[in-house]
PDB file of N, CA and C in Angstrom:
ATOM      1  N   MET A   1      76.322 -42.439  42.758  1.00  0.00           N
ATOM      2  CA  MET A   1      75.671 -42.622  44.038  1.00  0.00           C
ATOM      3  C   MET A   1      76.121 -41.498  44.974  1.00  0.00           C
ATOM      4  N   SER A   2      75.178 -40.996  45.745  1.00  0.00           N
ATOM      5  CA  SER A   2      75.443 -39.960  46.727  1.00  0.00           C
ATOM      6  C   SER A   2      75.226 -40.532  48.122  1.00  0.00           C
ATOM      7  N   SER A   3      76.022 -40.088  49.076  1.00  0.00           N
ATOM      8  CA  SER A   3      75.918 -40.578  50.449  1.00  0.00           C
ATOM      9  C   SER A   3      75.895 -39.410  51.412  1.00  0.00           C
ATOM     10  N   GLY A   4      75.354 -39.674  52.600  1.00  0.00           N
ATOM     11  CA  GLY A   4      75.351 -38.656  53.635  1.00  0.00           C
ATOM     12  C   GLY A   4      74.859 -39.229  54.943  1.00  0.00           C
ATOM     13  N   ALA A   5      74.864 -38.388  55.941  1.00  0.00           N
ATOM     14  CA  ALA A   5      74.441 -38.796  57.274  1.00  0.00           C
ATOM     15  C   ALA A   5      72.927 -38.738  57.400  1.00  0.00           C
ATOM     16  N   GLY A   6      72.408 -39.595  58.263  1.00  0.00           N
ATOM     17  CA  GLY A   6      70.990 -39.593  58.561  1.00  0.00           C
ATOM     18  C   GLY A   6      70.760 -40.093  59.967  1.00  0.00           C
ATOM     19  N   ILE A   7      69.509 -39.984  60.392  1.00  0.00           N
ATOM     20  CA  ILE A   7      69.086 -40.523  61.681  1.00  0.00           C
ATOM     21  C   ILE A   7      67.977 -41.519  61.375  1.00  0.00           C
ATOM     22  N   PHE A   8      68.136 -42.745  61.860  1.00  0.00           N
ATOM     23  CA  PHE A   8      67.173 -43.816  61.603  1.00  0.00           C
ATOM     24  C   PHE A   8      66.454 -44.155  62.899  1.00  0.00           C
ATOM     25  N   PHE A   9      65.137 -44.295  62.812  1.00  0.00           N
ATOM     26  CA  PHE A   9      64.304 -44.759  63.900  1.00  0.00           C
ATOM     27  C   PHE A   9      63.721 -46.088  63.441  1.00  0.00           C
ATOM     28  N   ASP A  10      64.007 -47.164  64.166  1.00  0.00           N
ATOM     29  CA  ASP A  10      63.637 -48.501  63.697  1.00  0.00           C
ATOM     30  C   ASP A  10      62.162 -48.857  63.885  1.00  0.00           C
ATOM     31  N   GLY A  11      61.393 -48.016  64.579  1.00  0.00           N
ATOM     32  CA  GLY A  11      59.978 -48.279  64.775  1.00  0.00           C
ATOM     33  C   GLY A  11      59.694 -49.208  65.943  1.00  0.00           C
ATOM     34  N   LYS A  12      60.741 -49.728  66.549  1.00  0.00           N
ATOM     35  CA  LYS A  12      60.578 -50.624  67.697  1.00  0.00           C
ATOM     36  C   LYS A  12      60.887 -49.901  69.004  1.00  0.00           C
ATOM     37  N   THR A  13      61.860 -48.989  68.948  1.00  0.00           N
ATOM     38  CA  THR A  13      62.250 -48.192  70.110  1.00  0.00           C
ATOM     39  C   THR A  13      62.252 -46.727  69.692  1.00  0.00           C
ATOM     40  N   SER A  14      62.406 -45.851  70.649  1.00  0.00           N
ATOM     41  CA  SER A  14      62.471 -44.422  70.322  1.00  0.00           C
ATOM     42  C   SER A  14      63.907 -43.957  70.137  1.00  0.00           C
ATOM     43  N   ALA A  15      64.849 -44.888  70.137  1.00  0.00           N
ATOM     44  CA  ALA A  15      66.266 -44.545  70.021  1.00  0.00           C
ATOM     45  C   ALA A  15      66.601 -43.983  68.637  1.00  0.00           C
ATOM     46  N   ARG A  16      67.357 -42.908  68.641  1.00  0.00           N
ATOM     47  CA  ARG A  16      67.885 -42.310  67.404  1.00  0.00           C
ATOM     48  C   ARG A  16      69.157 -43.074  67.036  1.00  0.00           C
ATOM     49  N   GLN A  17      69.243 -43.557  65.830  1.00  0.00           N
ATOM     50  CA  GLN A  17      70.416 -44.298  65.392  1.00  0.00           C
ATOM     51  C   GLN A  17      71.109 -43.515  64.283  1.00  0.00           C
ATOM     52  N   PRO A  18      72.327 -43.038  64.525  1.00  0.00           N
ATOM     53  CA  PRO A  18      73.048 -42.376  63.436  1.00  0.00           C
ATOM     54  C   PRO A  18      73.379 -43.410  62.362  1.00  0.00           C
ATOM     55  N   VAL A  19      73.175 -43.037  61.110  1.00  0.00           N
ATOM     56  CA  VAL A  19      73.420 -43.946  59.997  1.00  0.00           C
ATOM     57  C   VAL A  19      74.044 -43.187  58.832  1.00  0.00           C
ATOM     58  N   THR A  20      74.562 -43.950  57.895  1.00  0.00           N
ATOM     59  CA  THR A  20      74.962 -43.423  56.601  1.00  0.00           C
ATOM     60  C   THR A  20      73.895 -43.854  55.608  1.00  0.00           C
ATOM     61  N   VAL A  21      73.480 -42.924  54.766  1.00  0.00           N
ATOM     62  CA  VAL A  21      72.460 -43.206  53.767  1.00  0.00           C
ATOM     63  C   VAL A  21      73.110 -43.118  52.391  1.00  0.00           C
ATOM     64  N   ASP A  22      73.013 -44.202  51.623  1.00  0.00           N
ATOM     65  CA  ASP A  22      73.519 -44.224  50.252  1.00  0.00           C
ATOM     66  C   ASP A  22      72.330 -44.165  49.309  1.00  0.00           C
ATOM     67  N   ALA A  23      72.337 -43.183  48.425  1.00  0.00           N
ATOM     68  CA  ALA A  23      71.294 -43.078  47.397  1.00  0.00           C
ATOM     69  C   ALA A  23      71.770 -43.893  46.194  1.00  0.00           C
ATOM     70  N   ALA A  24      71.543 -45.192  46.244  1.00  0.00           N
ATOM     71  CA  ALA A  24      71.913 -46.107  45.160  1.00  0.00           C
ATOM     72  C   ALA A  24      70.892 -45.948  44.027  1.00  0.00           C
ATOM     73  N   PRO A  25      71.156 -46.494  42.853  1.00  0.00           N
ATOM     74  CA  PRO A  25      70.243 -46.301  41.724  1.00  0.00           C
ATOM     75  C   PRO A  25      68.812 -46.782  41.942  1.00  0.00           C
ATOM     76  N   ALA A  26      68.596 -47.879  42.675  1.00  0.00           N
ATOM     77  CA  ALA A  26      67.250 -48.438  42.810  1.00  0.00           C
ATOM     78  C   ALA A  26      66.650 -48.300  44.203  1.00  0.00           C
ATOM     79  N   ALA A  27      67.479 -47.994  45.203  1.00  0.00           N
ATOM     80  CA  ALA A  27      66.968 -47.975  46.582  1.00  0.00           C
ATOM     81  C   ALA A  27      67.891 -47.170  47.484  1.00  0.00           C
ATOM     82  N   LEU A  28      67.330 -46.715  48.601  1.00  0.00           N
ATOM     83  CA  LEU A  28      68.152 -46.119  49.650  1.00  0.00           C
ATOM     84  C   LEU A  28      68.747 -47.243  50.475  1.00  0.00           C
ATOM     85  N   ARG A  29      70.034 -47.174  50.705  1.00  0.00           N
ATOM     86  CA  ARG A  29      70.704 -48.139  51.565  1.00  0.00           C
ATOM     87  C   ARG A  29      71.021 -47.427  52.868  1.00  0.00           C
ATOM     88  N   ILE A  30      70.603 -48.007  53.966  1.00  0.00           N
ATOM     89  CA  ILE A  30      70.816 -47.426  55.287  1.00  0.00           C
ATOM     90  C   ILE A  30      71.825 -48.305  56.007  1.00  0.00           C
ATOM     91  N   LEU A  31      72.953 -47.697  56.413  1.00  0.00           N
ATOM     92  CA  LEU A  31      74.068 -48.437  56.999  1.00  0.00           C
ATOM     93  C   LEU A  31      74.388 -47.927  58.397  1.00  0.00           C
ATOM     94  N   SER A  32      74.748 -48.842  59.283  1.00  0.00           N
ATOM     95  CA  SER A  32      75.183 -48.473  60.630  1.00  0.00           C
ATOM     96  C   SER A  32      76.507 -47.716  60.524  1.00  0.00           C
ATOM     97  N   PRO A  33      76.945 -47.072  61.632  1.00  0.00           N
ATOM     98  CA  PRO A  33      78.250 -46.395  61.605  1.00  0.00           C
ATOM     99  C   PRO A  33      79.408 -47.328  61.252  1.00  0.00           C
ATOM    100  N   GLU A  34      79.235 -48.637  61.498  1.00  0.00           N
ATOM    101  CA  GLU A  34      80.277 -49.618  61.154  1.00  0.00           C
ATOM    102  C   GLU A  34      80.168 -50.101  59.710  1.00  0.00           C
ATOM    103  N   GLY A  35      79.167 -49.613  58.983  1.00  0.00           N
ATOM    104  CA  GLY A  35      78.997 -50.011  57.590  1.00  0.00           C
ATOM    105  C   GLY A  35      78.130 -51.235  57.385  1.00  0.00           C
ATOM    106  N   VAL A  36      77.489 -51.710  58.453  1.00  0.00           N
ATOM    107  CA  VAL A  36      76.610 -52.879  58.366  1.00  0.00           C
ATOM    108  C   VAL A  36      75.244 -52.435  57.840  1.00  0.00           C
ATOM    109  N   PRO A  37      74.706 -53.122  56.824  1.00  0.00           N
ATOM    110  CA  PRO A  37      73.384 -52.754  56.314  1.00  0.00           C
ATOM    111  C   PRO A  37      72.311 -52.874  57.397  1.00  0.00           C
ATOM    112  N   VAL A  38      71.511 -51.827  57.545  1.00  0.00           N
ATOM    113  CA  VAL A  38      70.404 -51.790  58.497  1.00  0.00           C
ATOM    114  C   VAL A  38      69.090 -52.003  57.752  1.00  0.00           C
ATOM    115  N   ALA A  39      68.969 -51.376  56.584  1.00  0.00           N
ATOM    116  CA  ALA A  39      67.746 -51.488  55.784  1.00  0.00           C
ATOM    117  C   ALA A  39      68.043 -51.056  54.355  1.00  0.00           C
ATOM    118  N   GLU A  40      67.184 -51.494  53.457  1.00  0.00           N
ATOM    119  CA  GLU A  40      67.228 -51.045  52.068  1.00  0.00           C
ATOM    120  C   GLU A  40      65.791 -50.741  51.664  1.00  0.00           C
ATOM    121  N   TRP A  41      65.544 -49.499  51.289  1.00  0.00           N
ATOM    122  CA  TRP A  41      64.202 -49.049  50.951  1.00  0.00           C
ATOM    123  C   TRP A  41      64.126 -48.706  49.468  1.00  0.00           C
ATOM    124  N   PRO A  42      63.371 -49.479  48.680  1.00  0.00           N
ATOM    125  CA  PRO A  42      63.185 -49.134  47.267  1.00  0.00           C
ATOM    126  C   PRO A  42      62.508 -47.764  47.145  1.00  0.00           C
ATOM    127  N   TYR A  43      62.911 -46.983  46.157  1.00  0.00           N
ATOM    128  CA  TYR A  43      62.348 -45.638  45.976  1.00  0.00           C
ATOM    129  C   TYR A  43      60.841 -45.677  45.776  1.00  0.00           C
ATOM    130  N   THR A  44      60.333 -46.743  45.163  1.00  0.00           N
ATOM    131  CA  THR A  44      58.893 -46.831  44.910  1.00  0.00           C
ATOM    132  C   THR A  44      58.082 -46.992  46.194  1.00  0.00           C
ATOM    133  N   GLU A  45      58.732 -47.339  47.311  1.00  0.00           N
ATOM    134  CA  GLU A  45      58.039 -47.522  48.579  1.00  0.00           C
ATOM    135  C   GLU A  45      58.170 -46.322  49.514  1.00  0.00           C
ATOM    136  N   LEU A  46      58.917 -45.303  49.106  1.00  0.00           N
ATOM    137  CA  LEU A  46      59.145 -44.163  49.986  1.00  0.00           C
ATOM    138  C   LEU A  46      57.935 -43.251  50.055  1.00  0.00           C
ATOM    139  N   GLN A  47      57.721 -42.710  51.242  1.00  0.00           N
ATOM    140  CA  GLN A  47      56.728 -41.655  51.389  1.00  0.00           C
ATOM    141  C   GLN A  47      57.328 -40.565  52.258  1.00  0.00           C
ATOM    142  N   SER A  48      57.016 -39.346  51.914  1.00  0.00           N
ATOM    143  CA  SER A  48      57.477 -38.199  52.675  1.00  0.00           C
ATOM    144  C   SER A  48      56.575 -38.016  53.888  1.00  0.00           C
ATOM    145  N   LEU A  49      57.173 -37.745  55.039  1.00  0.00           N
ATOM    146  CA  LEU A  49      56.435 -37.513  56.273  1.00  0.00           C
ATOM    147  C   LEU A  49      56.620 -36.063  56.699  1.00  0.00           C
ATOM    148  N   ALA A  50      55.677 -35.541  57.450  1.00  0.00           N
ATOM    149  CA  ALA A  50      55.756 -34.163  57.922  1.00  0.00           C
ATOM    150  C   ALA A  50      57.059 -33.943  58.681  1.00  0.00           C
ATOM    151  N   ALA A  51      57.700 -32.812  58.391  1.00  0.00           N
ATOM    152  CA  ALA A  51      58.994 -32.506  59.003  1.00  0.00           C
ATOM    153  C   ALA A  51      59.259 -31.006  58.904  1.00  0.00           C
ATOM    154  N   PRO A  52      60.180 -30.511  59.731  1.00  0.00           N
ATOM    155  CA  PRO A  52      60.597 -29.112  59.583  1.00  0.00           C
ATOM    156  C   PRO A  52      61.184 -28.881  58.189  1.00  0.00           C
ATOM    157  N   GLU A  53      61.240 -27.642  57.790  1.00  0.00           N
ATOM    158  CA  GLU A  53      61.675 -27.281  56.436  1.00  0.00           C
ATOM    159  C   GLU A  53      63.062 -27.815  56.066  1.00  0.00           C
ATOM    160  N   ASN A  54      63.977 -27.879  57.005  1.00  0.00           N
ATOM    161  CA  ASN A  54      65.348 -28.295  56.690  1.00  0.00           C
ATOM    162  C   ASN A  54      65.589 -29.793  56.844  1.00  0.00           C
ATOM    163  N   VAL A  55      64.514 -30.573  57.014  1.00  0.00           N
ATOM    164  CA  VAL A  55      64.642 -32.015  57.227  1.00  0.00           C
ATOM    165  C   VAL A  55      63.788 -32.772  56.213  1.00  0.00           C
ATOM    166  N   LEU A  56      64.380 -33.778  55.573  1.00  0.00           N
ATOM    167  CA  LEU A  56      63.626 -34.724  54.758  1.00  0.00           C
ATOM    168  C   LEU A  56      63.357 -35.923  55.657  1.00  0.00           C
ATOM    169  N   ARG A  57      62.095 -36.157  55.958  1.00  0.00           N
ATOM    170  CA  ARG A  57      61.708 -37.284  56.816  1.00  0.00           C
ATOM    171  C   ARG A  57      60.954 -38.276  55.940  1.00  0.00           C
ATOM    172  N   LEU A  58      61.437 -39.511  55.926  1.00  0.00           N
ATOM    173  CA  LEU A  58      60.874 -40.547  55.065  1.00  0.00           C
ATOM    174  C   LEU A  58      60.395 -41.740  55.861  1.00  0.00           C
ATOM    175  N   GLY A  59      59.401 -42.405  55.318  1.00  0.00           N
ATOM    176  CA  GLY A  59      58.929 -43.680  55.820  1.00  0.00           C
ATOM    177  C   GLY A  59      58.703 -44.588  54.623  1.00  0.00           C
ATOM    178  N   ARG A  60      58.216 -45.796  54.883  1.00  0.00           N
ATOM    179  CA  ARG A  60      57.907 -46.747  53.808  1.00  0.00           C
ATOM    180  C   ARG A  60      56.408 -46.950  53.738  1.00  0.00           C
ATOM    181  N   ARG A  61      55.873 -46.847  52.546  1.00  0.00           N
ATOM    182  CA  ARG A  61      54.443 -47.093  52.342  1.00  0.00           C
ATOM    183  C   ARG A  61      54.107 -48.523  52.742  1.00  0.00           C
ATOM    184  N   GLY A  62      53.026 -48.673  53.487  1.00  0.00           N
ATOM    185  CA  GLY A  62      52.539 -49.996  53.829  1.00  0.00           C
ATOM    186  C   GLY A  62      53.328 -50.735  54.891  1.00  0.00           C
ATOM    187  N   SER A  63      54.348 -50.120  55.446  1.00  0.00           N
ATOM    188  CA  SER A  63      55.148 -50.800  56.463  1.00  0.00           C
ATOM    189  C   SER A  63      54.351 -50.917  57.752  1.00  0.00           C
ATOM    190  N   ARG A  64      54.414 -52.077  58.374  1.00  0.00           N
ATOM    191  CA  ARG A  64      53.746 -52.275  59.664  1.00  0.00           C
ATOM    192  C   ARG A  64      54.535 -51.627  60.793  1.00  0.00           C
ATOM    193  N   LEU A  65      55.825 -51.420  60.566  1.00  0.00           N
ATOM    194  CA  LEU A  65      56.663 -50.752  61.551  1.00  0.00           C
ATOM    195  C   LEU A  65      56.586 -49.238  61.337  1.00  0.00           C
ATOM    196  N   LEU A  66      56.835 -48.500  62.378  1.00  0.00           N
ATOM    197  CA  LEU A  66      56.844 -47.042  62.262  1.00  0.00           C
ATOM    198  C   LEU A  66      58.260 -46.537  62.007  1.00  0.00           C
ATOM    199  N   GLU A  67      58.989 -47.247  61.152  1.00  0.00           N
ATOM    200  CA  GLU A  67      60.350 -46.841  60.801  1.00  0.00           C
ATOM    201  C   GLU A  67      60.312 -45.476  60.140  1.00  0.00           C
ATOM    202  N   ARG A  68      61.351 -44.698  60.400  1.00  0.00           N
ATOM    203  CA  ARG A  68      61.492 -43.457  59.659  1.00  0.00           C
ATOM    204  C   ARG A  68      62.964 -43.092  59.577  1.00  0.00           C
ATOM    205  N   LEU A  69      63.241 -42.259  58.613  1.00  0.00           N
ATOM    206  CA  LEU A  69      64.600 -41.830  58.334  1.00  0.00           C
ATOM    207  C   LEU A  69      64.586 -40.324  58.184  1.00  0.00           C
ATOM    208  N   GLU A  70      65.521 -39.645  58.845  1.00  0.00           N
ATOM    209  CA  GLU A  70      65.630 -38.199  58.740  1.00  0.00           C
ATOM    210  C   GLU A  70      66.956 -37.834  58.110  1.00  0.00           C
ATOM    211  N   ILE A  71      66.879 -36.939  57.135  1.00  0.00           N
ATOM    212  CA  ILE A  71      68.066 -36.477  56.415  1.00  0.00           C
ATOM    213  C   ILE A  71      68.082 -34.959  56.450  1.00  0.00           C
ATOM    214  N   ARG A  72      69.200 -34.408  56.895  1.00  0.00           N
ATOM    215  CA  ARG A  72      69.354 -32.951  56.952  1.00  0.00           C
ATOM    216  C   ARG A  72      70.297 -32.430  55.866  1.00  0.00           C
ATOM    217  N   ASP A  73      71.015 -33.308  55.234  1.00  0.00           N
ATOM    218  CA  ASP A  73      71.949 -32.951  54.163  1.00  0.00           C
ATOM    219  C   ASP A  73      71.141 -32.562  52.921  1.00  0.00           C
ATOM    220  N   SER A  74      71.179 -31.284  52.550  1.00  0.00           N
ATOM    221  CA  SER A  74      70.342 -30.797  51.441  1.00  0.00           C
ATOM    222  C   SER A  74      70.719 -31.425  50.103  1.00  0.00           C
ATOM    223  N   GLY A  75      71.988 -31.710  49.894  1.00  0.00           N
ATOM    224  CA  GLY A  75      72.415 -32.344  48.644  1.00  0.00           C
ATOM    225  C   GLY A  75      71.882 -33.768  48.524  1.00  0.00           C
ATOM    226  N   LEU A  76      71.963 -34.517  49.603  1.00  0.00           N
ATOM    227  CA  LEU A  76      71.441 -35.884  49.611  1.00  0.00           C
ATOM    228  C   LEU A  76      69.925 -35.866  49.472  1.00  0.00           C
ATOM    229  N   ALA A  77      69.254 -34.945  50.162  1.00  0.00           N
ATOM    230  CA  ALA A  77      67.796 -34.830  50.053  1.00  0.00           C
ATOM    231  C   ALA A  77      67.383 -34.524  48.613  1.00  0.00           C
ATOM    232  N   ALA A  78      68.113 -33.660  47.944  1.00  0.00           N
ATOM    233  CA  ALA A  78      67.808 -33.325  46.546  1.00  0.00           C
ATOM    234  C   ALA A  78      68.002 -34.540  45.639  1.00  0.00           C
ATOM    235  N   MET A  79      69.038 -35.335  45.892  1.00  0.00           N
ATOM    236  CA  MET A  79      69.283 -36.538  45.106  1.00  0.00           C
ATOM    237  C   MET A  79      68.132 -37.530  45.285  1.00  0.00           C
ATOM    238  N   ILE A  80      67.687 -37.715  46.516  1.00  0.00           N
ATOM    239  CA  ILE A  80      66.570 -38.623  46.787  1.00  0.00           C
ATOM    240  C   ILE A  80      65.309 -38.115  46.112  1.00  0.00           C
ATOM    241  N   ASP A  81      65.095 -36.818  46.157  1.00  0.00           N
ATOM    242  CA  ASP A  81      63.938 -36.202  45.502  1.00  0.00           C
ATOM    243  C   ASP A  81      63.935 -36.515  44.007  1.00  0.00           C
ATOM    244  N   GLN A  82      65.086 -36.516  43.389  1.00  0.00           N
ATOM    245  CA  GLN A  82      65.197 -36.829  41.956  1.00  0.00           C
ATOM    246  C   GLN A  82      64.953 -38.309  41.677  1.00  0.00           C
ATOM    247  N   LEU A  83      65.448 -39.181  42.547  1.00  0.00           N
ATOM    248  CA  LEU A  83      65.363 -40.622  42.311  1.00  0.00           C
ATOM    249  C   LEU A  83      64.019 -41.235  42.689  1.00  0.00           C
ATOM    250  N   ALA A  84      63.329 -40.637  43.653  1.00  0.00           N
ATOM    251  CA  ALA A  84      62.071 -41.191  44.150  1.00  0.00           C
ATOM    252  C   ALA A  84      60.898 -40.404  43.571  1.00  0.00           C
ATOM    253  N   HIS A  85      60.187 -40.998  42.635  1.00  0.00           N
ATOM    254  CA  HIS A  85      59.060 -40.312  42.010  1.00  0.00           C
ATOM    255  C   HIS A  85      57.894 -40.122  42.973  1.00  0.00           C
ATOM    256  N   THR A  86      57.909 -40.831  44.104  1.00  0.00           N
ATOM    257  CA  THR A  86      56.850 -40.700  45.106  1.00  0.00           C
ATOM    258  C   THR A  86      57.097 -39.508  46.036  1.00  0.00           C
ATOM    259  N   ILE A  87      58.263 -38.881  45.921  1.00  0.00           N
ATOM    260  CA  ILE A  87      58.630 -37.737  46.759  1.00  0.00           C
ATOM    261  C   ILE A  87      58.704 -36.505  45.855  1.00  0.00           C
ATOM    262  N   ASP A  88      58.072 -35.415  46.297  1.00  0.00           N
ATOM    263  CA  ASP A  88      58.161 -34.148  45.549  1.00  0.00           C
ATOM    264  C   ASP A  88      58.302 -33.008  46.534  1.00  0.00           C
ATOM    265  N   ARG A  89      59.517 -32.536  46.688  1.00  0.00           N
ATOM    266  CA  ARG A  89      59.776 -31.436  47.607  1.00  0.00           C
ATOM    267  C   ARG A  89      59.933 -30.116  46.865  1.00  0.00           C
ATOM    268  N   SER A  90      59.596 -30.097  45.578  1.00  0.00           N
ATOM    269  CA  SER A  90      59.774 -28.892  44.774  1.00  0.00           C
ATOM    270  C   SER A  90      58.732 -27.823  45.055  1.00  0.00           C
ATOM    271  N   GLY A  91      57.633 -28.215  45.683  1.00  0.00           N
ATOM    272  CA  GLY A  91      56.540 -27.267  45.918  1.00  0.00           C
ATOM    273  C   GLY A  91      55.629 -27.125  44.733  1.00  0.00           C
ATOM    274  N   ALA A  92      55.867 -27.922  43.681  1.00  0.00           N
ATOM    275  CA  ALA A  92      55.070 -27.834  42.461  1.00  0.00           C
ATOM    276  C   ALA A  92      53.732 -28.554  42.603  1.00  0.00           C
ATOM    277  N   GLY A  93      53.534 -29.267  43.682  1.00  0.00           N
ATOM    278  CA  GLY A  93      52.251 -29.916  43.882  1.00  0.00           C
ATOM    279  C   GLY A  93      52.454 -31.331  44.095  1.00  0.00           C
TER     280      GLY A  93
END
């Protein structure tokens, strides 16, 4: 499992929430700075959202909330890219 920092937007407010993101085998785990689970997103539900080149911005397919997660850690982003078949940041199409 790989972990790193992220910014979570809960879709209810515009507040940026610093979080820890764990790339677990079946889902992304999003944790508050105190280690409290905020959300768990299965890889099969992830969708890539438009973002600057150095940011992986994710949302959940079909979610009624406008939740999103931003990751700037390139190692963590690469791990998520490998685990989530719905995400392809390789440029291969």
